[in-house]
């Protein structure tokens, strides 16, 4: 069984593929691609195609290389399926940028369908619990910042993808590493992500303008950080 979606976004198709097999009462699904707009539809198609006798679903996320907030909706859809069908569902092997998003969202990447426990109303928190709460609040602030960057990136997807392609070609890096380089260069230079991507793309043209010295320094530092 295979579910595929081609979702136009910014004029460029994005693909999520979910392959699967059934072993007795267990379904083993493998996702490949990106968790962006439309990914929940692909998941729904794959899940609804499972035989009625399936009692457990294991979803391997090893080959998912990118996610935005649609990935959290993807998880919600997976959990809802498990509750509705009364089957055990599990997603595992989250890596790279998707794993980072789960951590920032306060989820355990090794078991993201299990939400972290919260203190009972009226129950005093221990000093350790207070420290955890402060850490969680900081993580949520970081998540809001990163999600905002992701929203901007999705709105500017064509130029972002072009810049990732340039970095992958120049530095022989992965798509995920190219994304992290762009994101860190944006943070280091205090230049919006789309502007960083546009400068990288323009600089790759034969007669294109070179990025500013500030941005070149930020890019060099980001490349050194992620590819050393």
N, C-alpha and C. Protein backbone atom coordinates (compact mmCIF):
# COMPACT_ATOMS: atom_id res chain seq x y z
N UNK A 1 0.85 -1.19 0.00
CA UNK A 1 0.00 0.00 0.00
C UNK A 1 0.88 1.24 0.00
N UNK A 2 0.51 2.24 -0.76
CA UNK A 2 1.28 3.47 -0.86
C UNK A 2 0.31 4.64 -1.00
N UNK A 3 0.53 5.69 -0.20
CA UNK A 3 -0.27 6.90 -0.32
C UNK A 3 0.66 8.05 -0.68
N UNK A 4 0.27 8.82 -1.68
CA UNK A 4 1.11 9.91 -2.16
C UNK A 4 0.27 11.15 -2.33
N UNK A 5 0.84 12.30 -1.99
CA UNK A 5 0.16 13.56 -2.29
C UNK A 5 1.14 14.48 -2.99
N UNK A 6 0.65 15.19 -3.99
CA UNK A 6 1.41 16.24 -4.64
C UNK A 6 0.66 17.53 -4.37
N UNK A 7 1.16 18.32 -3.45
CA UNK A 7 0.45 19.51 -3.02
C UNK A 7 1.15 20.75 -3.54
N UNK A 8 0.55 21.50 -4.46
CA UNK A 8 1.20 22.72 -4.94
C UNK A 8 1.34 23.71 -3.79
N UNK A 9 2.53 24.25 -3.60
CA UNK A 9 2.76 25.22 -2.54
C UNK A 9 3.80 26.20 -3.06
N UNK A 10 3.38 27.42 -3.27
CA UNK A 10 4.30 28.39 -3.81
C UNK A 10 4.75 28.04 -5.21
N UNK A 11 3.90 27.33 -5.95
CA UNK A 11 4.23 27.01 -7.33
C UNK A 11 5.12 25.80 -7.49
N UNK A 12 5.46 25.13 -6.39
CA UNK A 12 6.36 23.99 -6.48
C UNK A 12 5.75 22.81 -5.75
N UNK A 13 5.73 21.60 -6.35
CA UNK A 13 5.10 20.46 -5.69
C UNK A 13 5.93 19.94 -4.53
N UNK A 14 5.25 19.51 -3.51
CA UNK A 14 5.89 18.87 -2.37
C UNK A 14 5.26 17.50 -2.22
N UNK A 15 6.04 16.54 -1.80
CA UNK A 15 5.55 15.18 -1.78
C UNK A 15 5.79 14.52 -0.44
N UNK A 16 4.77 13.86 0.05
CA UNK A 16 4.89 12.95 1.19
C UNK A 16 4.40 11.60 0.71
N UNK A 17 5.19 10.59 0.93
CA UNK A 17 4.82 9.23 0.55
C UNK A 17 4.77 8.38 1.81
N UNK A 18 3.72 7.59 1.94
CA UNK A 18 3.62 6.64 3.04
C UNK A 18 3.44 5.25 2.45
N UNK A 19 4.46 4.42 2.62
CA UNK A 19 4.39 3.02 2.20
C UNK A 19 4.03 2.17 3.41
N UNK A 20 3.49 1.00 3.17
CA UNK A 20 3.13 0.17 4.32
C UNK A 20 2.96 -1.29 3.97
N UNK A 21 3.00 -2.08 5.00
CA UNK A 21 2.73 -3.51 4.87
C UNK A 21 2.02 -3.96 6.14
N UNK A 22 1.30 -5.04 6.05
CA UNK A 22 0.57 -5.58 7.19
C UNK A 22 1.15 -6.94 7.55
N UNK A 23 1.52 -7.09 8.81
CA UNK A 23 2.05 -8.35 9.33
C UNK A 23 1.10 -8.84 10.41
N UNK A 24 0.26 -9.80 10.06
CA UNK A 24 -0.78 -10.30 10.97
C UNK A 24 -1.66 -9.14 11.43
N UNK A 25 -1.63 -8.78 12.73
CA UNK A 25 -2.50 -7.70 13.19
C UNK A 25 -1.74 -6.39 13.36
N UNK A 26 -0.55 -6.29 12.76
CA UNK A 26 0.30 -5.10 12.89
C UNK A 26 0.56 -4.48 11.52
N UNK A 27 0.35 -3.16 11.44
CA UNK A 27 0.65 -2.43 10.21
C UNK A 27 1.95 -1.65 10.42
N UNK A 28 2.86 -1.78 9.48
CA UNK A 28 4.14 -1.07 9.52
C UNK A 28 4.13 -0.06 8.38
N UNK A 29 4.11 1.22 8.73
CA UNK A 29 4.07 2.30 7.75
C UNK A 29 5.40 3.04 7.75
N UNK A 30 5.83 3.48 6.58
CA UNK A 30 7.07 4.24 6.44
C UNK A 30 6.79 5.53 5.68
N UNK A 31 7.09 6.66 6.33
CA UNK A 31 6.85 7.97 5.71
C UNK A 31 8.14 8.50 5.12
N UNK A 32 8.02 9.15 3.94
CA UNK A 32 9.18 9.76 3.29
C UNK A 32 8.78 11.13 2.76
N UNK A 33 9.63 12.12 3.02
CA UNK A 33 9.37 13.45 2.46
C UNK A 33 9.25 14.51 3.54
N UNK A 34 8.24 15.38 3.40
CA UNK A 34 8.08 16.53 4.28
C UNK A 34 6.67 16.58 4.85
N UNK A 35 6.57 16.98 6.12
CA UNK A 35 5.27 17.16 6.76
C UNK A 35 4.89 18.63 6.63
N UNK A 36 4.22 18.93 5.53
CA UNK A 36 3.75 20.28 5.26
C UNK A 36 2.27 20.19 4.91
N UNK A 37 1.72 21.29 4.42
CA UNK A 37 0.30 21.33 4.08
C UNK A 37 -0.10 20.13 3.23
N UNK A 38 -1.13 19.43 3.66
CA UNK A 38 -1.61 18.26 2.92
C UNK A 38 -1.15 16.94 3.48
N UNK A 39 -0.21 16.97 4.45
CA UNK A 39 0.33 15.70 4.95
C UNK A 39 -0.71 14.90 5.73
N UNK A 40 -1.64 15.57 6.40
CA UNK A 40 -2.66 14.82 7.15
C UNK A 40 -3.58 14.06 6.21
N UNK A 41 -3.80 14.59 5.01
CA UNK A 41 -4.64 13.89 4.04
C UNK A 41 -3.97 12.59 3.60
N UNK A 42 -2.65 12.65 3.40
CA UNK A 42 -1.91 11.45 3.02
C UNK A 42 -1.99 10.40 4.12
N UNK A 43 -1.82 10.86 5.37
CA UNK A 43 -1.89 9.94 6.50
C UNK A 43 -3.28 9.32 6.60
N UNK A 44 -4.31 10.13 6.44
CA UNK A 44 -5.68 9.61 6.53
C UNK A 44 -5.92 8.54 5.48
N UNK A 45 -5.44 8.78 4.27
CA UNK A 45 -5.62 7.80 3.20
C UNK A 45 -4.94 6.48 3.55
N UNK A 46 -3.71 6.58 4.09
CA UNK A 46 -2.98 5.37 4.46
C UNK A 46 -3.68 4.63 5.60
N UNK A 47 -4.14 5.36 6.60
CA UNK A 47 -4.77 4.72 7.76
C UNK A 47 -6.11 4.10 7.40
N UNK A 48 -6.91 4.82 6.63
CA UNK A 48 -8.23 4.29 6.29
C UNK A 48 -8.15 3.08 5.37
N UNK A 49 -7.00 2.90 4.73
CA UNK A 49 -6.83 1.74 3.87
C UNK A 49 -6.39 0.49 4.60
N UNK A 50 -6.18 0.60 5.92
CA UNK A 50 -5.73 -0.56 6.68
C UNK A 50 -6.89 -1.54 6.91
N UNK A 51 -6.59 -2.83 6.92
CA UNK A 51 -7.64 -3.83 7.18
C UNK A 51 -8.22 -3.65 8.58
N UNK A 52 -9.46 -4.08 8.75
CA UNK A 52 -10.16 -3.91 10.02
C UNK A 52 -9.52 -4.70 11.15
N UNK A 53 -8.78 -5.78 10.83
CA UNK A 53 -8.23 -6.61 11.89
C UNK A 53 -6.93 -6.05 12.48
N UNK A 54 -6.40 -4.97 11.91
CA UNK A 54 -5.16 -4.38 12.43
C UNK A 54 -5.40 -3.82 13.83
N UNK A 55 -4.53 -4.19 14.77
CA UNK A 55 -4.65 -3.73 16.15
C UNK A 55 -3.48 -2.86 16.59
N UNK A 56 -2.48 -2.72 15.71
CA UNK A 56 -1.32 -1.91 16.06
C UNK A 56 -0.76 -1.28 14.79
N UNK A 57 -0.38 0.00 14.91
CA UNK A 57 0.20 0.72 13.78
C UNK A 57 1.54 1.32 14.21
N UNK A 58 2.60 0.95 13.51
CA UNK A 58 3.93 1.51 13.75
C UNK A 58 4.31 2.38 12.55
N UNK A 59 4.60 3.65 12.80
CA UNK A 59 4.92 4.59 11.73
C UNK A 59 6.38 5.01 11.86
N UNK A 60 7.19 4.66 10.86
CA UNK A 60 8.62 4.96 10.86
C UNK A 60 8.84 6.31 10.17
N UNK A 61 9.43 7.27 10.91
CA UNK A 61 9.62 8.63 10.41
C UNK A 61 11.06 8.92 10.01
N UNK A 62 11.88 7.89 9.86
CA UNK A 62 13.30 8.07 9.57
C UNK A 62 13.55 8.98 8.37
N UNK A 63 12.76 8.82 7.32
CA UNK A 63 13.01 9.53 6.07
C UNK A 63 12.19 10.80 5.92
N UNK A 64 11.63 11.30 7.01
CA UNK A 64 10.97 12.61 6.98
C UNK A 64 12.02 13.67 7.32
N UNK A 65 12.26 14.59 6.39
CA UNK A 65 13.39 15.51 6.52
C UNK A 65 13.01 16.91 6.95
N UNK A 66 11.72 17.23 6.92
CA UNK A 66 11.31 18.59 7.25
C UNK A 66 9.86 18.58 7.72
N UNK A 67 9.55 19.45 8.67
CA UNK A 67 8.15 19.61 9.08
C UNK A 67 7.92 21.03 9.56
N UNK A 68 6.70 21.51 9.34
CA UNK A 68 6.28 22.75 9.97
C UNK A 68 5.14 22.41 10.93
N UNK A 69 4.31 23.37 11.27
CA UNK A 69 3.26 23.08 12.25
C UNK A 69 2.26 22.05 11.74
N UNK A 70 2.23 21.81 10.43
CA UNK A 70 1.35 20.75 9.91
C UNK A 70 1.75 19.39 10.47
N UNK A 71 3.02 19.25 10.86
CA UNK A 71 3.47 17.99 11.43
C UNK A 71 2.79 17.69 12.76
N UNK A 72 2.47 18.74 13.53
CA UNK A 72 1.76 18.53 14.79
C UNK A 72 0.33 18.09 14.51
N UNK A 73 -0.28 18.62 13.46
CA UNK A 73 -1.61 18.17 13.06
C UNK A 73 -1.56 16.72 12.58
N UNK A 74 -0.47 16.37 11.93
CA UNK A 74 -0.24 15.00 11.48
C UNK A 74 -0.28 14.04 12.67
N UNK A 75 0.40 14.43 13.76
CA UNK A 75 0.40 13.60 14.96
C UNK A 75 -0.99 13.52 15.60
N UNK A 76 -1.69 14.65 15.60
CA UNK A 76 -3.04 14.65 16.16
C UNK A 76 -3.94 13.70 15.38
N UNK A 77 -3.80 13.69 14.06
CA UNK A 77 -4.61 12.80 13.24
C UNK A 77 -4.27 11.34 13.54
N UNK A 78 -2.99 11.05 13.72
CA UNK A 78 -2.57 9.68 14.04
C UNK A 78 -3.15 9.24 15.38
N UNK A 79 -3.05 10.12 16.39
CA UNK A 79 -3.60 9.79 17.69
C UNK A 79 -5.10 9.61 17.67
N UNK A 80 -5.79 10.47 16.90
CA UNK A 80 -7.25 10.37 16.81
C UNK A 80 -7.66 9.05 16.17
N UNK A 81 -6.90 8.61 15.18
CA UNK A 81 -7.19 7.32 14.54
C UNK A 81 -7.08 6.19 15.56
N UNK A 82 -6.02 6.23 16.37
CA UNK A 82 -5.85 5.18 17.37
C UNK A 82 -6.98 5.13 18.36
N UNK A 83 -7.44 6.32 18.79
CA UNK A 83 -8.54 6.35 19.76
C UNK A 83 -9.84 5.89 19.12
N UNK A 84 -10.08 6.31 17.89
CA UNK A 84 -11.34 5.95 17.23
C UNK A 84 -11.42 4.47 16.92
N UNK A 85 -10.30 3.90 16.47
CA UNK A 85 -10.29 2.48 16.12
C UNK A 85 -9.90 1.58 17.29
N UNK A 86 -9.51 2.23 18.41
CA UNK A 86 -9.07 1.49 19.59
C UNK A 86 -7.90 0.57 19.25
N UNK A 87 -6.91 1.15 18.57
CA UNK A 87 -5.70 0.41 18.23
C UNK A 87 -4.50 1.16 18.80
N UNK A 88 -3.42 0.44 19.00
CA UNK A 88 -2.18 1.05 19.47
C UNK A 88 -1.46 1.69 18.29
N UNK A 89 -1.09 2.96 18.44
CA UNK A 89 -0.36 3.65 17.38
C UNK A 89 0.95 4.19 17.95
N UNK A 90 1.98 4.15 17.13
CA UNK A 90 3.29 4.62 17.59
C UNK A 90 4.04 5.21 16.40
N UNK A 91 4.68 6.35 16.62
CA UNK A 91 5.57 6.92 15.61
C UNK A 91 6.97 6.97 16.21
N UNK A 92 7.96 6.64 15.42
CA UNK A 92 9.31 6.55 15.97
C UNK A 92 10.35 6.96 14.92
N UNK A 93 11.59 7.07 15.40
CA UNK A 93 12.74 7.41 14.56
C UNK A 93 12.62 8.82 13.96
N UNK A 94 12.20 9.78 14.79
CA UNK A 94 12.20 11.18 14.36
C UNK A 94 13.64 11.69 14.41
N UNK A 95 14.06 12.37 13.36
CA UNK A 95 15.44 12.84 13.27
C UNK A 95 15.51 14.29 12.84
N UNK A 96 16.67 14.89 13.06
CA UNK A 96 16.96 16.20 12.49
C UNK A 96 15.97 17.29 12.86
N UNK A 97 15.60 18.10 11.87
CA UNK A 97 14.73 19.24 12.09
C UNK A 97 13.36 18.84 12.65
N UNK A 98 12.71 17.77 12.14
CA UNK A 98 11.44 17.37 12.74
C UNK A 98 11.57 17.03 14.23
N UNK A 99 12.65 16.37 14.59
CA UNK A 99 12.86 16.04 16.01
C UNK A 99 12.99 17.31 16.84
N UNK A 100 13.69 18.30 16.29
CA UNK A 100 13.86 19.57 16.98
C UNK A 100 12.50 20.24 17.23
N UNK A 101 11.63 20.22 16.23
CA UNK A 101 10.32 20.83 16.39
C UNK A 101 9.53 20.13 17.49
N UNK A 102 9.60 18.81 17.53
CA UNK A 102 8.88 18.07 18.58
C UNK A 102 9.42 18.45 19.96
N UNK A 103 10.74 18.56 20.07
CA UNK A 103 11.33 18.94 21.36
C UNK A 103 10.88 20.33 21.78
N UNK A 104 10.87 21.26 20.83
CA UNK A 104 10.45 22.62 21.14
C UNK A 104 8.97 22.68 21.51
N UNK A 105 8.19 21.75 20.96
CA UNK A 105 6.76 21.69 21.28
C UNK A 105 6.51 21.02 22.63
N UNK A 106 7.58 20.58 23.29
CA UNK A 106 7.42 19.93 24.58
C UNK A 106 7.02 18.48 24.49
N UNK A 107 7.23 17.87 23.33
CA UNK A 107 6.89 16.46 23.13
C UNK A 107 8.15 15.61 23.19
N UNK A 108 7.99 14.38 23.59
CA UNK A 108 9.09 13.44 23.61
C UNK A 108 9.24 12.86 22.20
N UNK A 109 10.33 13.15 21.49
CA UNK A 109 10.46 12.67 20.11
C UNK A 109 10.45 11.14 19.99
N UNK A 110 10.77 10.46 21.08
CA UNK A 110 10.76 9.00 21.05
C UNK A 110 9.36 8.44 21.29
N UNK A 111 8.46 9.29 21.79
CA UNK A 111 7.06 8.88 22.01
C UNK A 111 6.19 10.13 21.96
N UNK A 112 6.11 10.80 20.80
CA UNK A 112 5.43 12.10 20.73
C UNK A 112 3.93 12.05 20.95
N UNK A 113 3.33 10.86 20.87
CA UNK A 113 1.89 10.76 21.10
C UNK A 113 1.55 10.77 22.58
N UNK A 114 2.57 10.68 23.42
CA UNK A 114 2.35 10.77 24.87
C UNK A 114 2.64 12.20 25.29
N UNK A 115 1.62 12.91 25.71
CA UNK A 115 1.82 14.29 26.12
C UNK A 115 2.45 14.33 27.51
N UNK A 116 3.32 15.30 27.72
CA UNK A 116 3.97 15.44 29.02
C UNK A 116 2.93 15.72 30.10
N UNK A 117 3.17 15.16 31.27
CA UNK A 117 2.24 15.35 32.38
C UNK A 117 2.30 16.78 32.89
N UNK A 118 1.17 17.30 33.34
CA UNK A 118 1.10 18.64 33.90
C UNK A 118 0.71 18.53 35.38
N UNK A 119 1.12 19.49 36.20
CA UNK A 119 0.76 19.45 37.61
C UNK A 119 -0.76 19.50 37.78
N UNK A 120 -1.26 18.84 38.80
CA UNK A 120 -2.69 18.87 39.10
C UNK A 120 -3.05 20.24 39.64
N UNK A 121 -4.19 20.80 39.21
CA UNK A 121 -4.61 22.11 39.69
C UNK A 121 -4.66 22.14 41.21
N UNK A 122 -4.08 23.18 41.79
CA UNK A 122 -4.10 23.33 43.23
C UNK A 122 -2.97 22.61 43.93
N UNK A 123 -2.22 21.80 43.21
CA UNK A 123 -1.13 21.05 43.82
C UNK A 123 0.16 21.86 43.70
N UNK A 124 0.83 22.07 44.79
CA UNK A 124 2.06 22.86 44.78
C UNK A 124 3.14 22.12 44.01
N UNK A 125 3.89 22.87 43.22
CA UNK A 125 4.98 22.26 42.47
C UNK A 125 6.21 22.18 43.36
N UNK A 126 6.96 21.11 43.21
CA UNK A 126 8.23 20.98 43.90
C UNK A 126 9.25 21.88 43.23
N UNK A 127 10.38 22.19 43.92
CA UNK A 127 11.41 23.01 43.27
C UNK A 127 11.85 22.43 41.93
N UNK A 128 11.95 21.09 41.87
CA UNK A 128 12.33 20.46 40.62
C UNK A 128 11.29 20.68 39.55
N UNK A 129 10.01 20.57 39.95
CA UNK A 129 8.93 20.78 38.98
C UNK A 129 8.91 22.22 38.50
N UNK A 130 9.21 23.18 39.41
CA UNK A 130 9.25 24.59 39.02
C UNK A 130 10.33 24.82 37.98
N UNK A 131 11.48 24.18 38.17
CA UNK A 131 12.57 24.32 37.21
C UNK A 131 12.15 23.76 35.85
N UNK A 132 11.45 22.63 35.89
CA UNK A 132 10.96 22.03 34.65
C UNK A 132 9.97 22.97 33.97
N UNK A 133 9.09 23.60 34.77
CA UNK A 133 8.11 24.53 34.21
C UNK A 133 8.79 25.71 33.54
N UNK A 134 9.83 26.23 34.20
CA UNK A 134 10.55 27.36 33.60
C UNK A 134 11.22 26.94 32.30
N UNK A 135 11.79 25.74 32.31
CA UNK A 135 12.43 25.25 31.09
C UNK A 135 11.40 25.06 29.99
N UNK A 136 10.22 24.53 30.35
CA UNK A 136 9.17 24.34 29.36
C UNK A 136 8.69 25.67 28.79
N UNK A 137 8.58 26.69 29.66
CA UNK A 137 8.16 28.01 29.18
C UNK A 137 9.17 28.56 28.18
N UNK A 138 10.46 28.36 28.46
CA UNK A 138 11.49 28.82 27.54
C UNK A 138 11.41 28.05 26.22
N UNK A 139 11.15 26.74 26.31
CA UNK A 139 11.01 25.94 25.10
C UNK A 139 9.83 26.42 24.26
N UNK A 140 8.74 26.79 24.92
CA UNK A 140 7.57 27.27 24.19
C UNK A 140 7.86 28.60 23.51
N UNK A 141 8.65 29.46 24.18
CA UNK A 141 9.03 30.72 23.54
C UNK A 141 9.87 30.45 22.30
N UNK A 142 10.80 29.50 22.42
CA UNK A 142 11.63 29.14 21.27
C UNK A 142 10.77 28.56 20.16
N UNK A 143 9.78 27.76 20.55
CA UNK A 143 8.90 27.16 19.54
C UNK A 143 8.13 28.23 18.78
N UNK A 144 7.61 29.22 19.52
CA UNK A 144 6.86 30.28 18.84
C UNK A 144 7.75 31.01 17.84
N UNK A 145 9.01 31.25 18.23
CA UNK A 145 9.93 31.92 17.32
C UNK A 145 10.20 31.07 16.09
N UNK A 146 10.45 29.78 16.32
CA UNK A 146 10.77 28.90 15.20
C UNK A 146 9.55 28.67 14.31
N UNK A 147 8.39 28.55 14.90
CA UNK A 147 7.18 28.35 14.09
C UNK A 147 6.92 29.58 13.23
N UNK A 148 7.17 30.77 13.79
CA UNK A 148 6.99 31.99 13.00
C UNK A 148 7.95 32.00 11.81
N UNK A 149 9.18 31.57 12.06
CA UNK A 149 10.14 31.46 10.96
C UNK A 149 9.66 30.46 9.92
N UNK A 150 9.11 29.35 10.40
CA UNK A 150 8.62 28.33 9.48
C UNK A 150 7.47 28.85 8.63
N UNK A 151 6.57 29.61 9.25
CA UNK A 151 5.45 30.17 8.50
C UNK A 151 5.97 31.10 7.41
N UNK A 152 6.95 31.93 7.77
CA UNK A 152 7.53 32.83 6.77
C UNK A 152 8.22 32.03 5.67
N UNK A 153 8.88 30.95 6.08
CA UNK A 153 9.57 30.12 5.09
C UNK A 153 8.59 29.49 4.12
N UNK A 154 7.45 29.01 4.63
CA UNK A 154 6.48 28.37 3.76
C UNK A 154 5.88 29.38 2.79
N UNK A 155 5.69 30.62 3.26
CA UNK A 155 5.15 31.66 2.37
C UNK A 155 6.16 32.01 1.29
N UNK A 156 7.44 31.79 1.57
CA UNK A 156 8.50 32.12 0.63
C UNK A 156 9.18 30.87 0.11
N UNK A 157 8.43 29.78 0.00
CA UNK A 157 9.02 28.48 -0.27
C UNK A 157 9.88 28.39 -1.53
N UNK A 158 9.46 28.99 -2.66
CA UNK A 158 10.29 28.84 -3.86
C UNK A 158 11.73 29.32 -3.66
N UNK A 159 11.90 30.52 -3.10
CA UNK A 159 13.25 31.05 -2.95
C UNK A 159 14.01 30.29 -1.87
N UNK A 160 13.30 29.81 -0.85
CA UNK A 160 13.95 29.00 0.18
C UNK A 160 14.49 27.71 -0.43
N UNK A 161 13.66 27.05 -1.24
CA UNK A 161 14.09 25.80 -1.87
C UNK A 161 15.27 26.03 -2.81
N UNK A 162 15.24 27.14 -3.54
CA UNK A 162 16.35 27.44 -4.43
C UNK A 162 17.64 27.63 -3.64
N UNK A 163 17.55 28.35 -2.53
CA UNK A 163 18.74 28.59 -1.71
C UNK A 163 19.25 27.29 -1.10
N UNK A 164 18.34 26.43 -0.67
CA UNK A 164 18.76 25.13 -0.15
C UNK A 164 19.50 24.35 -1.23
N UNK A 165 18.97 24.42 -2.45
CA UNK A 165 19.63 23.72 -3.55
C UNK A 165 21.02 24.25 -3.82
N UNK A 166 21.17 25.58 -3.74
CA UNK A 166 22.49 26.18 -3.95
C UNK A 166 23.48 25.69 -2.89
N UNK A 167 23.06 25.73 -1.64
CA UNK A 167 23.94 25.30 -0.55
C UNK A 167 24.27 23.81 -0.66
N UNK A 168 23.30 23.00 -1.04
CA UNK A 168 23.55 21.57 -1.20
C UNK A 168 24.58 21.32 -2.29
N UNK A 169 24.50 22.09 -3.39
CA UNK A 169 25.44 21.91 -4.49
C UNK A 169 26.83 22.41 -4.13
N UNK A 170 26.90 23.54 -3.46
CA UNK A 170 28.20 24.15 -3.13
C UNK A 170 28.92 23.38 -2.03
N UNK A 171 28.17 22.95 -1.01
CA UNK A 171 28.80 22.35 0.17
C UNK A 171 28.59 20.84 0.27
N UNK A 172 27.95 20.25 -0.73
CA UNK A 172 27.70 18.80 -0.72
C UNK A 172 27.03 18.37 0.59
N UNK A 173 26.03 19.13 1.01
CA UNK A 173 25.33 18.84 2.25
C UNK A 173 23.93 18.34 1.95
N UNK A 174 23.24 17.92 2.99
CA UNK A 174 21.87 17.43 2.83
C UNK A 174 20.89 18.60 2.82
N UNK A 175 19.66 18.31 2.44
CA UNK A 175 18.62 19.34 2.45
C UNK A 175 18.40 19.86 3.87
N UNK A 176 18.43 18.97 4.83
CA UNK A 176 18.24 19.37 6.23
C UNK A 176 19.37 20.28 6.69
N UNK A 177 20.62 19.93 6.35
CA UNK A 177 21.76 20.77 6.74
C UNK A 177 21.67 22.14 6.08
N UNK A 178 21.25 22.17 4.82
CA UNK A 178 21.11 23.45 4.12
C UNK A 178 20.07 24.33 4.81
N UNK A 179 18.97 23.72 5.24
CA UNK A 179 17.95 24.48 5.97
C UNK A 179 18.51 25.05 7.26
N UNK A 180 19.25 24.25 8.01
CA UNK A 180 19.81 24.72 9.28
C UNK A 180 20.82 25.84 9.05
N UNK A 181 21.59 25.75 7.97
CA UNK A 181 22.56 26.80 7.65
C UNK A 181 21.83 28.12 7.37
N UNK A 182 20.78 28.05 6.56
CA UNK A 182 20.01 29.26 6.26
C UNK A 182 19.41 29.86 7.53
N UNK A 183 18.83 29.00 8.35
CA UNK A 183 18.17 29.47 9.57
C UNK A 183 19.17 30.12 10.52
N UNK A 184 20.33 29.47 10.70
CA UNK A 184 21.33 30.03 11.61
C UNK A 184 21.93 31.32 11.06
N UNK A 185 22.16 31.37 9.76
CA UNK A 185 22.69 32.59 9.16
C UNK A 185 21.72 33.75 9.35
N UNK A 186 20.43 33.45 9.26
CA UNK A 186 19.41 34.47 9.50
C UNK A 186 19.48 34.99 10.93
N UNK A 187 19.64 34.07 11.88
CA UNK A 187 19.70 34.47 13.28
C UNK A 187 20.97 35.26 13.58
N UNK A 188 22.10 34.79 13.03
CA UNK A 188 23.38 35.45 13.30
C UNK A 188 23.43 36.86 12.71
N UNK A 189 22.85 37.03 11.54
CA UNK A 189 22.94 38.31 10.85
C UNK A 189 21.76 39.23 11.15
N UNK A 190 20.73 38.67 11.82
CA UNK A 190 19.50 39.41 12.09
C UNK A 190 18.85 39.88 10.79
N UNK A 191 18.95 39.03 9.77
CA UNK A 191 18.33 39.28 8.47
C UNK A 191 17.24 38.24 8.27
N UNK A 192 16.08 38.66 7.78
CA UNK A 192 14.97 37.73 7.61
C UNK A 192 15.38 36.55 6.73
N UNK A 193 14.81 35.39 7.05
CA UNK A 193 15.18 34.16 6.36
C UNK A 193 14.99 34.26 4.85
N UNK A 194 13.87 34.86 4.44
CA UNK A 194 13.62 34.98 3.00
C UNK A 194 14.69 35.83 2.33
N UNK A 195 15.12 36.91 3.02
CA UNK A 195 16.15 37.78 2.45
C UNK A 195 17.49 37.06 2.36
N UNK A 196 17.78 36.23 3.37
CA UNK A 196 19.01 35.43 3.32
C UNK A 196 18.98 34.49 2.12
N UNK A 197 17.84 33.79 1.96
CA UNK A 197 17.70 32.85 0.85
C UNK A 197 17.81 33.57 -0.49
N UNK A 198 17.18 34.73 -0.60
CA UNK A 198 17.23 35.49 -1.85
C UNK A 198 18.66 35.90 -2.17
N UNK A 199 19.42 36.30 -1.14
CA UNK A 199 20.80 36.71 -1.36
C UNK A 199 21.67 35.53 -1.79
N UNK A 200 21.45 34.38 -1.17
CA UNK A 200 22.20 33.17 -1.55
C UNK A 200 21.89 32.79 -2.99
N UNK A 201 20.62 32.82 -3.35
CA UNK A 201 20.21 32.45 -4.71
C UNK A 201 20.76 33.43 -5.74
N UNK A 202 20.64 34.73 -5.44
CA UNK A 202 21.14 35.74 -6.37
C UNK A 202 22.65 35.64 -6.54
N UNK A 203 23.35 35.36 -5.44
CA UNK A 203 24.80 35.26 -5.50
C UNK A 203 25.29 34.09 -6.31
N UNK A 204 24.42 33.10 -6.54
CA UNK A 204 24.81 31.93 -7.32
C UNK A 204 24.71 32.18 -8.82
N UNK A 205 24.04 33.27 -9.21
CA UNK A 205 23.92 33.60 -10.63
C UNK A 205 25.28 34.08 -11.16
N UNK A 206 25.56 33.84 -12.44
CA UNK A 206 26.86 34.22 -13.01
C UNK A 206 27.23 35.68 -12.76
N UNK A 207 26.28 36.57 -12.93
CA UNK A 207 26.54 38.00 -12.72
C UNK A 207 25.79 38.53 -11.51
N UNK A 208 25.41 37.63 -10.61
CA UNK A 208 24.62 38.04 -9.46
C UNK A 208 25.45 38.77 -8.42
N UNK A 209 24.80 39.62 -7.62
CA UNK A 209 25.52 40.36 -6.58
C UNK A 209 25.91 39.44 -5.42
N UNK A 210 27.06 39.69 -4.86
CA UNK A 210 27.50 38.90 -3.70
C UNK A 210 26.71 39.35 -2.47
N UNK A 211 26.46 38.45 -1.53
CA UNK A 211 25.80 38.85 -0.28
C UNK A 211 26.65 39.88 0.45
N UNK A 212 26.03 40.61 1.34
CA UNK A 212 26.75 41.60 2.14
C UNK A 212 27.82 40.91 2.98
N UNK A 213 28.80 41.67 3.41
CA UNK A 213 29.88 41.11 4.23
C UNK A 213 29.32 40.52 5.52
N UNK A 214 28.34 41.21 6.10
CA UNK A 214 27.73 40.70 7.34
C UNK A 214 27.09 39.33 7.10
N UNK A 215 26.38 39.20 5.99
CA UNK A 215 25.72 37.93 5.70
C UNK A 215 26.74 36.86 5.33
N UNK A 216 27.80 37.24 4.63
CA UNK A 216 28.83 36.25 4.30
C UNK A 216 29.46 35.69 5.57
N UNK A 217 29.71 36.57 6.54
CA UNK A 217 30.28 36.10 7.81
C UNK A 217 29.31 35.14 8.50
N UNK A 218 28.03 35.50 8.50
CA UNK A 218 27.03 34.64 9.14
C UNK A 218 26.93 33.30 8.44
N UNK A 219 26.97 33.30 7.12
CA UNK A 219 26.90 32.05 6.37
C UNK A 219 28.13 31.18 6.63
N UNK A 220 29.31 31.81 6.65
CA UNK A 220 30.53 31.03 6.92
C UNK A 220 30.46 30.39 8.30
N UNK A 221 29.99 31.15 9.29
CA UNK A 221 29.88 30.61 10.65
C UNK A 221 28.87 29.47 10.70
N UNK A 222 27.75 29.64 10.02
CA UNK A 222 26.71 28.60 10.02
C UNK A 222 27.20 27.33 9.32
N UNK A 223 27.89 27.51 8.20
CA UNK A 223 28.44 26.35 7.49
C UNK A 223 29.46 25.62 8.36
N UNK A 224 30.33 26.40 9.01
CA UNK A 224 31.33 25.79 9.89
C UNK A 224 30.68 25.03 11.03
N UNK A 225 29.59 25.59 11.55
CA UNK A 225 28.90 24.96 12.68
C UNK A 225 28.26 23.64 12.29
N UNK A 226 27.61 23.61 11.14
CA UNK A 226 26.83 22.43 10.77
C UNK A 226 27.59 21.41 9.92
N UNK A 227 28.70 21.81 9.33
CA UNK A 227 29.42 20.89 8.44
C UNK A 227 30.83 20.59 8.90
N UNK A 228 31.17 21.01 10.10
CA UNK A 228 32.54 20.76 10.57
C UNK A 228 32.75 19.28 10.84
